[in-house]
Amino acid sequence: MIDAKQRNVALLVAGCFFMENLDGTIVSTAAPSMGAALGVAPAAIGLVVTAYLVTLAVLIPLSGWLTARFGARRVFLTAITVFTLASLACALSENLGQLVAMRVLQGAGGAMMVPVGRLMVVAKAEKPDIPRLVSYVVWPALAAPVIAPLLGGLITTYADWRWMFLVNLPLGAVAFAVAWRLVQAGPEAGRPPRLDWWGVALTSTGLGALTWTAHLLSAAGAAWGPAAATGALSVLLLAAAARHLLRTEQPLADLRTLKVATFRASVSGGSLFWIVVAAVPFLLPLLFQEAFGWSAVESGTVVLFVFVGNIGIKPATNRLLDRYGFRPLLLAATAGVAATTLLCGFLTASTPVAAIVVLAVVSGAARSLGLTCYQVIAFADMPQERMRHANTLQSTAQQAAAGLGVVAATVALRLGGPLGDALPGRPGATTAYHVAFGLLALVSLGALAGALRLHPAAGDAVRRPAAPKQPAPAGR
C-alpha cells in the first residue's frame, strides 16, 4: 500500500520532470523573438535547444553512479539547485554564447534531477505499488511538449522571452524546500563502485554525437552529408560502448538488464513509441500555423487538447492494468497512436475544429496509456539489486528517443515534399504534412509489432489481484 510520503515524493519528482521537459521544448517557439533580442538569426537559437539536449544525453548515464557514490538526497537537492540557478542565469544572458553556456549548466542539473528522483520513487516500492507511483511521475513528460507551444506563444506574444526561464525560479524554490523536508538520507551503502571511466567516455561521446546528428538533421536547409558522417560516428562509438559495458566487471550501465524480457520491451518498443509521441506535438503546430495560417496561440490551444486526453485516461489506467494486463493495453495504445497519427495526415484547413479536438483527445489518451505501461513494465520483473542500472539505462533511452522525435518529425517533413510530388494528383500546401504523418504512423507500427510479441502474462508481477467476489447471500 502506498503511504503519503511515497505519493508526495512521486509528485515532487513529477514537478521536476515537468520543468526539465518544458525547458527542452518551449525555446523553439520563441526562436524569432530570442534571435532578435540577442542579435542573431532565429536559426541560431537551435543551438540553445541542442546544447540542453546534448548535456542531458551525455550526463544521464552518470546519474546512477553519482547516486551510489553520494546518495540520492544529496544529488537530488544539488540537481534542483543547479537547474534553478542556471535558469536564472539563462534569463540574465546578454548574448548567445552566455545563453548556450548556461543551458549546458541547466542540462547538467536536469540530467541528475529526474533520473535520481525516479530511482527514489521505484527503488524501494513494492511491485504492486509501482504502477500507481510511476503514473504520478509520467504525466509531466506527456504534458510539457503539449503545453509548451501554447505557453511559448503566450510568453512571446505578451511578455519577454526571458520569462520562459524565470518561471522556473518559484517552481525550483518550492521543489527544493519540499525535497529538503521530504527526502531523507538513506543508509550507507558501503563502498561505492569505482567509476567506469571508459564507459563514461564512450557512452557520453556516442550519445553526444547522436544528439548532434539530430541537431544537424533538424536544422533548416541542413545537408545530409555532415549528418550522415556524425551519425556513423555515433553508431561506432555506441557500439564500442556496448562492447565495453558487456565486458567490464562494474559497468557504468549494466546492459545485462536487457536480458529481462519486459525491460527489453520497454526500451525497444518504448523508444519507438516515444519518438512518435514527441514528434506529433512538434509537427501539429507547424501544420496549423504554416499551412492553415493559425496564430501561435490558436494552434497551441488546440494542441492542448492532447493533454486533456492524457489526463482523462489517467484515473482509469491502473484499473485497466489490473484487469487486462500489459499486452492488451499496449496493443490498444500503439494501435491508437498509429491510427490517430495517420488521421492527422488527412487534416485540412476546412476540417472542423471540433473534429480536430476529438482527434487530439483520443491521441492524448493513447499516448498516456502507452507511456505509462512502458514505464511500469520496465521495472515489473527487475530484481531489486539491478534497479539502479535499469533506471539509468531506461532514462538514457527515453531521453534519446524524445530528442529523436523532433528529428523524426523534421526528416519526415523534408521527405514529404519529394514523396508528395510522386503521389497522384496535384501537391498542395499540406501534402508534405500528409506524407510526414503517414511516415510517423509507420514508426508506430514498429511499437505495435513489439507489443504483439509480448507474453500474455508479461508484467503480471506488478498487477494487483482482482478482489474475490463476495458469495451471494443464501436464499431463505
Protein backbone atom coordinates (compact mmCIF):
# COMPACT_ATOMS: atom_id res chain seq x y z
CA MET A 1 0.00 0.00 0.00
CA ILE A 2 1.34 3.43 -0.97
CA ASP A 3 1.77 5.75 2.00
CA ALA A 4 1.53 9.54 1.91
CA LYS A 5 5.30 10.02 1.82
CA GLN A 6 5.76 7.77 -1.22
CA ARG A 7 2.99 9.60 -3.05
CA ASN A 8 4.41 13.02 -2.19
CA VAL A 9 7.91 12.05 -3.34
CA ALA A 10 6.44 10.83 -6.63
CA LEU A 11 4.56 14.12 -7.09
CA LEU A 12 7.72 16.07 -6.26
CA VAL A 13 9.65 14.18 -8.94
CA ALA A 14 6.74 14.76 -11.33
CA GLY A 15 7.07 18.52 -10.84
CA CYS A 16 10.81 18.35 -11.52
CA PHE A 17 10.17 16.21 -14.60
CA PHE A 18 7.75 18.85 -15.88
CA MET A 19 10.36 21.61 -15.54
CA GLU A 20 13.01 19.57 -17.34
CA ASN A 21 10.75 18.59 -20.26
CA LEU A 22 9.21 22.03 -20.63
CA ASP A 23 12.63 23.67 -20.94
CA GLY A 24 13.58 21.19 -23.62
CA THR A 25 10.72 22.21 -25.92
CA ILE A 26 9.50 25.72 -25.14
CA VAL A 27 12.51 27.58 -26.55
CA SER A 28 11.70 26.59 -30.15
CA THR A 29 8.51 28.67 -30.05
CA ALA A 30 10.41 31.82 -29.09
CA ALA A 31 13.24 31.50 -31.62
CA PRO A 32 12.34 34.62 -33.65
CA SER A 33 11.99 36.93 -30.63
CA MET A 34 15.08 35.48 -28.92
CA GLY A 35 17.13 35.86 -32.08
CA ALA A 36 16.07 39.50 -32.46
CA ALA A 37 16.86 40.28 -28.82
CA LEU A 38 20.29 38.62 -28.95
CA GLY A 39 21.21 39.94 -32.39
CA VAL A 40 21.41 36.56 -34.15
CA ALA A 41 19.36 34.72 -36.78
CA PRO A 42 16.40 32.69 -35.46
CA ALA A 43 18.06 29.51 -36.81
CA ALA A 44 20.99 30.07 -34.44
CA ILE A 45 18.64 29.65 -31.46
CA GLY A 46 18.51 25.97 -32.38
CA LEU A 47 21.91 25.71 -30.69
CA VAL A 48 20.25 26.75 -27.40
CA VAL A 49 17.93 23.74 -27.66
CA THR A 50 20.68 21.38 -28.80
CA ALA A 51 23.10 22.38 -26.03
CA TYR A 52 20.47 21.47 -23.44
CA LEU A 53 19.56 18.14 -25.07
CA VAL A 54 23.20 17.14 -25.64
CA THR A 55 24.02 17.78 -21.98
CA LEU A 56 21.05 15.71 -20.85
CA ALA A 57 22.03 12.82 -23.11
CA VAL A 58 25.70 12.92 -22.10
CA LEU A 59 25.23 13.15 -18.33
CA ILE A 60 22.16 10.98 -17.65
CA PRO A 61 24.25 7.75 -17.70
CA LEU A 62 26.29 9.20 -14.81
CA SER A 63 23.22 9.62 -12.59
CA GLY A 64 23.22 6.05 -11.31
CA TRP A 65 26.87 6.11 -10.23
CA LEU A 66 26.51 9.54 -8.60
CA THR A 67 23.57 8.22 -6.59
CA ALA A 68 25.60 5.25 -5.39
CA ARG A 69 28.58 7.48 -4.59
CA PHE A 70 26.95 10.47 -2.88
CA GLY A 71 23.43 9.35 -2.00
CA ALA A 72 20.10 10.18 -3.61
CA ARG A 73 19.22 13.07 -1.28
CA ARG A 74 22.44 14.99 -1.81
CA VAL A 75 22.44 14.53 -5.59
CA PHE A 76 18.74 15.39 -5.91
CA LEU A 77 18.99 18.61 -3.88
CA THR A 78 22.13 19.66 -5.73
CA ALA A 79 20.47 19.00 -9.08
CA ILE A 80 17.43 21.15 -8.21
CA THR A 81 19.73 23.95 -7.10
CA VAL A 82 21.88 23.82 -10.24
CA PHE A 83 18.84 23.69 -12.52
CA THR A 84 17.10 26.62 -10.81
CA LEU A 85 20.18 28.89 -10.66
CA ALA A 86 21.05 28.03 -14.25
CA SER A 87 17.51 29.06 -15.26
CA LEU A 88 18.10 32.45 -13.65
CA ALA A 89 21.43 32.74 -15.45
CA CYS A 90 19.72 31.90 -18.77
CA ALA A 91 17.25 34.74 -18.21
CA LEU A 92 20.10 37.16 -17.46
CA SER A 93 22.20 36.18 -20.51
CA GLU A 94 23.14 39.08 -22.77
CA ASN A 95 24.40 37.19 -25.82
CA LEU A 96 24.11 33.79 -27.48
CA GLY A 97 27.37 32.45 -26.06
CA GLN A 98 26.32 33.14 -22.47
CA LEU A 99 22.90 31.62 -23.07
CA VAL A 100 24.33 28.42 -24.57
CA ALA A 101 26.79 28.05 -21.68
CA MET A 102 24.00 28.46 -19.11
CA ARG A 103 21.83 25.97 -21.00
CA VAL A 104 24.64 23.43 -20.65
CA LEU A 105 24.64 24.05 -16.89
CA GLN A 106 20.86 23.79 -16.82
CA GLY A 107 21.04 20.48 -18.70
CA ALA A 108 23.55 19.17 -16.14
CA GLY A 109 21.06 19.84 -13.37
CA GLY A 110 18.22 18.22 -15.31
CA ALA A 111 20.30 15.15 -16.12
CA MET A 112 20.76 14.44 -12.42
CA MET A 113 17.38 15.67 -11.18
CA VAL A 114 14.85 13.40 -12.88
CA PRO A 115 16.66 10.01 -13.12
CA VAL A 116 17.73 10.22 -9.47
CA GLY A 117 14.24 11.30 -8.46
CA ARG A 118 12.61 8.43 -10.31
CA LEU A 119 15.03 5.96 -8.74
CA MET A 120 13.96 7.24 -5.32
CA VAL A 121 10.35 6.52 -6.29
CA VAL A 122 10.72 2.94 -7.57
CA ALA A 123 13.79 1.58 -5.78
CA LYS A 124 12.08 0.56 -2.55
CA ALA A 125 8.48 0.31 -3.72
CA GLU A 126 6.55 -2.92 -3.56
CA LYS A 127 5.93 -4.35 -7.04
CA PRO A 128 2.12 -3.84 -6.95
CA ASP A 129 2.66 -0.18 -5.96
CA ILE A 130 4.92 0.64 -8.93
CA PRO A 131 2.11 1.28 -11.49
CA ARG A 132 0.45 3.99 -9.39
CA LEU A 133 3.75 5.62 -8.38
CA VAL A 134 5.03 5.67 -11.95
CA SER A 135 1.73 7.09 -13.21
CA TYR A 136 2.30 10.10 -10.94
CA VAL A 137 5.72 10.67 -12.49
CA VAL A 138 4.83 10.07 -16.16
CA TRP A 139 2.22 12.76 -16.77
CA PRO A 140 4.71 15.71 -16.96
CA ALA A 141 6.55 14.02 -19.82
CA LEU A 142 3.25 13.98 -21.68
CA ALA A 143 2.11 17.43 -20.62
CA ALA A 144 5.24 19.51 -21.24
CA PRO A 145 5.57 19.05 -25.04
CA VAL A 146 1.85 19.76 -25.42
CA ILE A 147 1.70 22.80 -23.14
CA ALA A 148 4.96 24.28 -24.49
CA PRO A 149 3.56 25.62 -27.80
CA LEU A 150 0.72 27.47 -26.06
CA LEU A 151 2.85 28.73 -23.17
CA GLY A 152 5.64 29.77 -25.53
CA GLY A 153 3.15 31.53 -27.78
CA LEU A 154 1.62 33.44 -24.84
CA ILE A 155 5.03 34.47 -23.49
CA THR A 156 6.37 35.62 -26.85
CA THR A 157 3.12 37.45 -27.65
CA TYR A 158 2.51 39.22 -24.34
CA ALA A 159 5.84 39.15 -22.44
CA ASP A 160 9.63 38.93 -22.82
CA TRP A 161 11.31 35.64 -23.82
CA ARG A 162 13.30 35.68 -20.56
CA TRP A 163 10.13 34.67 -18.70
CA MET A 164 10.47 31.20 -20.22
CA PHE A 165 13.36 30.69 -17.80
CA LEU A 166 12.17 32.89 -14.93
CA VAL A 167 9.07 30.73 -14.42
CA ASN A 168 11.44 28.02 -13.15
CA LEU A 169 12.55 30.12 -10.16
CA PRO A 170 9.43 29.77 -7.99
CA LEU A 171 8.98 26.16 -9.13
CA GLY A 172 12.58 25.32 -8.28
CA ALA A 173 12.40 27.09 -4.90
CA VAL A 174 9.27 25.16 -3.93
CA ALA A 175 10.78 21.87 -5.17
CA PHE A 176 13.95 22.42 -3.11
CA ALA A 177 12.01 23.28 0.05
CA VAL A 178 9.75 20.25 -0.31
CA ALA A 179 12.66 17.93 -1.12
CA TRP A 180 14.65 19.21 1.88
CA ARG A 181 11.85 18.17 4.22
CA LEU A 182 10.59 15.10 2.38
CA VAL A 183 13.65 13.27 1.08
CA GLN A 184 15.72 11.64 3.78
CA ALA A 185 19.26 10.36 3.53
CA GLY A 186 19.30 6.60 3.03
CA PRO A 187 21.51 4.14 4.90
CA GLU A 188 25.14 3.95 3.93
CA ALA A 189 25.50 1.54 1.03
CA GLY A 190 29.09 0.64 1.79
CA ARG A 191 31.93 1.26 -0.58
CA PRO A 192 30.57 2.67 -3.87
CA PRO A 193 31.64 1.10 -7.16
CA ARG A 194 34.58 2.62 -8.97
CA LEU A 195 33.67 4.92 -11.82
CA ASP A 196 33.84 3.23 -15.21
CA TRP A 197 35.84 5.93 -17.00
CA TRP A 198 35.90 4.12 -20.33
CA GLY A 199 32.16 3.64 -20.09
CA VAL A 200 31.72 7.35 -19.40
CA ALA A 201 33.93 8.37 -22.33
CA LEU A 202 32.41 6.03 -24.91
CA THR A 203 28.80 6.39 -23.83
CA SER A 204 28.90 10.16 -23.41
CA THR A 205 30.65 10.87 -26.70
CA GLY A 206 28.39 8.41 -28.53
CA LEU A 207 25.21 9.94 -27.14
CA GLY A 208 26.58 13.44 -27.70
CA ALA A 209 27.34 12.61 -31.34
CA LEU A 210 23.86 11.11 -31.76
CA THR A 211 22.22 14.23 -30.36
CA TRP A 212 24.38 16.49 -32.53
CA THR A 213 23.33 14.41 -35.54
CA ALA A 214 19.75 15.11 -34.53
CA HIS A 215 20.54 18.82 -34.46
CA LEU A 216 22.10 18.71 -37.93
CA LEU A 217 19.12 16.85 -39.36
CA SER A 218 16.56 19.18 -37.79
CA ALA A 219 18.30 22.42 -38.88
CA ALA A 220 16.62 24.27 -41.73
CA GLY A 221 18.30 23.58 -45.06
CA ALA A 222 20.68 21.06 -43.47
CA ALA A 223 22.90 18.97 -45.75
CA TRP A 224 22.70 15.21 -45.43
CA GLY A 225 26.47 14.62 -45.68
CA PRO A 226 27.67 16.05 -42.32
CA ALA A 227 24.70 14.48 -40.54
CA ALA A 228 25.48 11.08 -42.08
CA ALA A 229 29.14 11.32 -41.03
CA THR A 230 28.29 12.32 -37.45
CA GLY A 231 25.58 9.66 -37.31
CA ALA A 232 28.02 6.96 -38.43
CA LEU A 233 30.49 8.13 -35.77
CA SER A 234 27.80 7.93 -33.09
CA VAL A 235 26.92 4.37 -34.12
CA LEU A 236 30.56 3.30 -33.93
CA LEU A 237 31.04 4.93 -30.52
CA LEU A 238 27.84 3.44 -29.10
CA ALA A 239 28.75 0.00 -30.46
CA ALA A 240 32.16 0.27 -28.78
CA ALA A 241 30.42 1.42 -25.59
CA ALA A 242 28.06 -1.58 -25.67
CA ARG A 243 31.00 -3.96 -26.17
CA HIS A 244 32.84 -2.40 -23.24
CA LEU A 245 29.81 -2.34 -20.92
CA LEU A 246 29.15 -6.03 -21.53
CA ARG A 247 32.76 -6.98 -20.73
CA THR A 248 33.65 -4.83 -17.75
CA GLU A 249 33.04 -6.01 -14.19
CA GLN A 250 31.49 -2.79 -12.86
CA PRO A 251 29.98 -1.03 -15.89
CA LEU A 252 28.57 2.48 -15.92
CA ALA A 253 25.26 0.95 -17.07
CA ASP A 254 24.67 -2.80 -16.97
CA LEU A 255 23.36 -3.89 -20.38
CA ARG A 256 22.66 -7.32 -18.95
CA THR A 257 19.42 -5.87 -17.64
CA LEU A 258 18.19 -6.18 -21.23
CA LYS A 259 18.02 -9.95 -20.72
CA VAL A 260 14.82 -9.32 -18.75
CA ALA A 261 12.15 -9.59 -21.45
CA THR A 262 9.79 -6.96 -20.04
CA PHE A 263 12.59 -4.44 -19.58
CA ARG A 264 13.83 -5.10 -23.11
CA ALA A 265 10.31 -4.49 -24.44
CA SER A 266 10.15 -1.20 -22.55
CA VAL A 267 13.45 0.04 -24.00
CA SER A 268 12.87 -1.12 -27.60
CA GLY A 269 9.14 -0.67 -28.18
CA GLY A 270 9.00 2.22 -25.71
CA SER A 271 11.70 4.12 -27.63
CA LEU A 272 9.77 3.86 -30.90
CA PHE A 273 6.62 4.94 -29.09
CA TRP A 274 8.45 7.90 -27.51
CA ILE A 275 9.71 9.06 -30.90
CA VAL A 276 6.18 9.38 -32.28
CA VAL A 277 4.84 10.87 -29.03
CA ALA A 278 7.49 13.61 -29.19
CA ALA A 279 7.13 14.16 -32.95
CA VAL A 280 3.38 14.76 -33.22
CA PRO A 281 3.13 17.78 -30.84
CA PHE A 282 6.04 19.32 -32.75
CA LEU A 283 4.51 18.71 -36.19
CA LEU A 284 0.90 19.68 -35.44
CA PRO A 285 1.63 23.36 -34.57
CA LEU A 286 3.67 23.65 -37.76
CA LEU A 287 0.73 22.33 -39.77
CA PHE A 288 -1.71 24.67 -38.07
CA GLN A 289 0.47 27.78 -38.34
CA GLU A 290 2.27 27.33 -41.67
CA ALA A 291 -0.39 25.51 -43.71
CA PHE A 292 -3.64 26.61 -42.04
CA GLY A 293 -2.50 30.17 -41.18
CA TRP A 294 -3.43 29.97 -37.49
CA SER A 295 -1.74 32.09 -34.83
CA ALA A 296 0.63 30.54 -32.28
CA VAL A 297 -1.98 30.96 -29.53
CA GLU A 298 -4.76 29.37 -31.62
CA SER A 299 -2.50 26.48 -32.58
CA GLY A 300 -1.28 25.94 -29.01
CA THR A 301 -4.83 25.97 -27.65
CA VAL A 302 -5.97 23.18 -29.98
CA VAL A 303 -2.84 21.08 -29.35
CA LEU A 304 -3.54 21.47 -25.63
CA PHE A 305 -6.47 19.08 -26.05
CA VAL A 306 -3.90 16.29 -26.38
CA PHE A 307 -3.21 16.97 -22.70
CA VAL A 308 -6.94 16.70 -21.98
CA GLY A 309 -6.79 13.14 -23.32
CA ASN A 310 -3.69 12.46 -21.21
CA ILE A 311 -5.43 13.49 -18.03
CA GLY A 312 -8.77 11.94 -18.94
CA ILE A 313 -7.41 8.39 -19.17
CA LYS A 314 -5.18 8.67 -16.09
CA PRO A 315 -7.76 7.72 -13.40
CA ALA A 316 -8.62 4.52 -15.25
CA THR A 317 -5.09 3.42 -16.23
CA ASN A 318 -4.23 1.41 -13.12
CA ARG A 319 -7.63 -0.27 -13.03
CA LEU A 320 -7.25 -1.21 -16.68
CA LEU A 321 -3.79 -2.64 -15.98
CA ASP A 322 -5.06 -4.74 -13.10
CA ARG A 323 -7.95 -6.07 -15.17
CA TYR A 324 -6.43 -6.65 -18.62
CA GLY A 325 -2.65 -6.71 -18.19
CA PHE A 326 0.09 -5.05 -20.22
CA ARG A 327 -0.14 -6.78 -23.59
CA PRO A 328 -3.76 -5.84 -24.43
CA LEU A 329 -3.27 -2.25 -23.25
CA LEU A 330 -0.04 -1.80 -25.19
CA LEU A 331 -1.70 -3.21 -28.30
CA ALA A 332 -4.57 -0.73 -27.87
CA ALA A 333 -2.23 2.20 -27.15
CA THR A 334 0.20 1.58 -30.02
CA ALA A 335 -2.64 0.96 -32.47
CA GLY A 336 -4.38 4.09 -31.22
CA VAL A 337 -1.30 6.26 -31.69
CA ALA A 338 -0.69 4.79 -35.16
CA ALA A 339 -4.31 5.44 -36.19
CA THR A 340 -4.54 8.99 -34.80
CA THR A 341 -1.16 9.91 -36.27
CA LEU A 342 -2.28 8.67 -39.68
CA LEU A 343 -5.57 10.60 -39.37
CA CYS A 344 -3.62 13.80 -38.64
CA GLY A 345 -2.30 13.47 -42.18
CA PHE A 346 -5.83 13.92 -43.53
CA LEU A 347 -6.48 17.22 -41.75
CA THR A 348 -7.06 20.26 -43.94
CA ALA A 349 -7.84 23.92 -43.30
CA SER A 350 -11.53 23.11 -43.84
CA THR A 351 -11.63 20.33 -41.23
CA PRO A 352 -14.00 21.34 -38.40
CA VAL A 353 -12.13 22.40 -35.29
CA ALA A 354 -14.38 20.11 -33.24
CA ALA A 355 -13.16 17.09 -35.24
CA ILE A 356 -9.52 18.12 -34.68
CA VAL A 357 -10.19 18.49 -30.94
CA VAL A 358 -11.72 14.98 -30.75
CA LEU A 359 -8.73 13.55 -32.62
CA ALA A 360 -6.34 15.33 -30.23
CA VAL A 361 -8.16 13.99 -27.16
CA VAL A 362 -8.12 10.39 -28.44
CA SER A 363 -4.46 10.72 -29.38
CA GLY A 364 -3.65 12.05 -25.89
CA ALA A 365 -5.43 9.14 -24.21
CA ALA A 366 -3.49 6.60 -26.31
CA ARG A 367 -0.19 8.39 -25.61
CA SER A 368 -0.81 8.43 -21.87
CA LEU A 369 -1.87 4.80 -21.69
CA GLY A 370 1.12 3.59 -23.72
CA LEU A 371 3.79 5.60 -21.94
CA THR A 372 2.51 4.62 -18.51
CA CYS A 373 2.56 0.95 -19.50
CA TYR A 374 6.06 1.16 -20.95
CA GLN A 375 7.38 2.99 -17.87
CA VAL A 376 5.83 0.49 -15.45
CA ILE A 377 6.70 -2.70 -17.29
CA ALA A 378 10.36 -1.63 -17.29
CA PHE A 379 10.56 -2.41 -13.56
CA ALA A 380 7.96 -5.19 -13.33
CA ASP A 381 10.39 -8.14 -13.33
CA MET A 382 13.62 -6.31 -12.49
CA PRO A 383 15.42 -7.63 -9.37
CA GLN A 384 15.90 -5.04 -6.64
CA GLU A 385 19.70 -5.13 -6.81
CA ARG A 386 19.66 -4.24 -10.52
CA MET A 387 17.11 -1.46 -10.27
CA ARG A 388 19.73 1.32 -10.33
CA HIS A 389 21.22 0.10 -13.62
CA ALA A 390 17.78 -0.44 -15.14
CA ASN A 391 16.71 3.08 -14.20
CA THR A 392 19.88 4.59 -15.72
CA LEU A 393 19.53 2.68 -18.99
CA GLN A 394 15.79 3.35 -19.27
CA SER A 395 16.27 7.08 -18.58
CA THR A 396 19.01 7.29 -21.21
CA ALA A 397 16.90 5.51 -23.85
CA GLN A 398 13.91 7.70 -23.03
CA GLN A 399 15.89 10.93 -23.38
CA ALA A 400 17.48 9.80 -26.65
CA ALA A 401 14.09 8.83 -28.09
CA ALA A 402 12.47 12.11 -27.03
CA GLY A 403 15.27 14.05 -28.73
CA LEU A 404 14.96 11.94 -31.86
CA GLY A 405 11.22 12.64 -32.01
CA VAL A 406 11.75 16.20 -33.24
CA VAL A 407 14.30 14.90 -35.74
CA ALA A 408 11.88 12.25 -36.97
CA ALA A 409 9.24 14.94 -37.50
CA THR A 410 11.69 17.21 -39.34
CA VAL A 411 13.09 14.46 -41.56
CA ALA A 412 9.59 13.14 -42.31
CA LEU A 413 8.52 16.65 -43.32
CA ARG A 414 11.58 17.10 -45.54
CA LEU A 415 10.86 13.76 -47.22
CA GLY A 416 7.21 14.71 -47.53
CA GLY A 417 7.98 17.19 -50.32
CA PRO A 418 9.57 14.83 -52.89
CA LEU A 419 7.40 11.88 -51.87
CA GLY A 420 4.29 14.04 -52.13
CA ASP A 421 5.29 15.12 -55.63
CA ALA A 422 5.37 11.45 -56.65
CA LEU A 423 1.81 10.83 -55.44
CA PRO A 424 -1.17 11.07 -57.81
CA GLY A 425 -2.84 14.46 -58.01
CA ARG A 426 -1.56 17.99 -57.64
CA PRO A 427 0.53 18.66 -54.47
CA GLY A 428 -0.87 21.29 -52.14
CA ALA A 429 0.31 23.28 -49.12
CA THR A 430 -0.46 20.38 -46.79
CA THR A 431 0.84 17.49 -48.94
CA ALA A 432 4.24 17.30 -47.22
CA TYR A 433 2.50 17.17 -43.84
CA HIS A 434 0.18 14.37 -45.02
CA VAL A 435 3.19 12.28 -46.01
CA ALA A 436 5.08 13.15 -42.80
CA PHE A 437 2.26 11.97 -40.57
CA GLY A 438 1.99 8.79 -42.61
CA LEU A 439 5.70 8.07 -42.13
CA LEU A 440 5.40 8.62 -38.38
CA ALA A 441 2.44 6.22 -38.30
CA LEU A 442 4.74 3.57 -39.80
CA VAL A 443 7.14 4.10 -36.89
CA SER A 444 4.22 3.48 -34.53
CA LEU A 445 3.66 0.12 -36.20
CA GLY A 446 7.14 -0.93 -35.02
CA ALA A 447 6.00 -0.43 -31.43
CA LEU A 448 2.78 -2.33 -32.25
CA ALA A 449 4.82 -5.27 -33.55
CA GLY A 450 6.84 -5.32 -30.32
CA ALA A 451 3.65 -5.35 -28.25
CA LEU A 452 2.38 -8.33 -30.26
CA ARG A 453 5.50 -10.31 -29.26
CA LEU A 454 4.89 -9.81 -25.53
CA HIS A 455 3.84 -12.84 -23.50
CA PRO A 456 0.20 -12.56 -22.33
CA ALA A 457 1.39 -12.70 -18.71
CA ALA A 458 4.19 -10.14 -19.16
CA GLY A 459 4.45 -7.75 -16.22
CA ASP A 460 1.93 -9.59 -14.04
CA ALA A 461 4.25 -9.16 -11.02
CA VAL A 462 3.07 -5.57 -10.61
CA ARG A 463 -0.62 -6.23 -11.16
CA ARG A 464 -2.89 -6.31 -8.15
CA PRO A 465 -5.03 -9.45 -7.99
CA ALA A 466 -8.71 -8.90 -8.52
CA ALA A 467 -10.72 -8.79 -5.33
CA PRO A 468 -12.59 -12.05 -4.77
CA LYS A 469 -16.28 -11.85 -5.41
CA GLN A 470 -18.46 -11.99 -2.34
CA PRO A 471 -20.73 -15.01 -2.31
CA ALA A 472 -24.37 -14.24 -2.86
CA PRO A 473 -26.48 -14.44 0.30
CA ALA A 474 -28.24 -17.73 0.69
CA GLY A 475 -31.91 -17.63 -0.09
CA ARG A 476 -34.42 -18.20 2.63
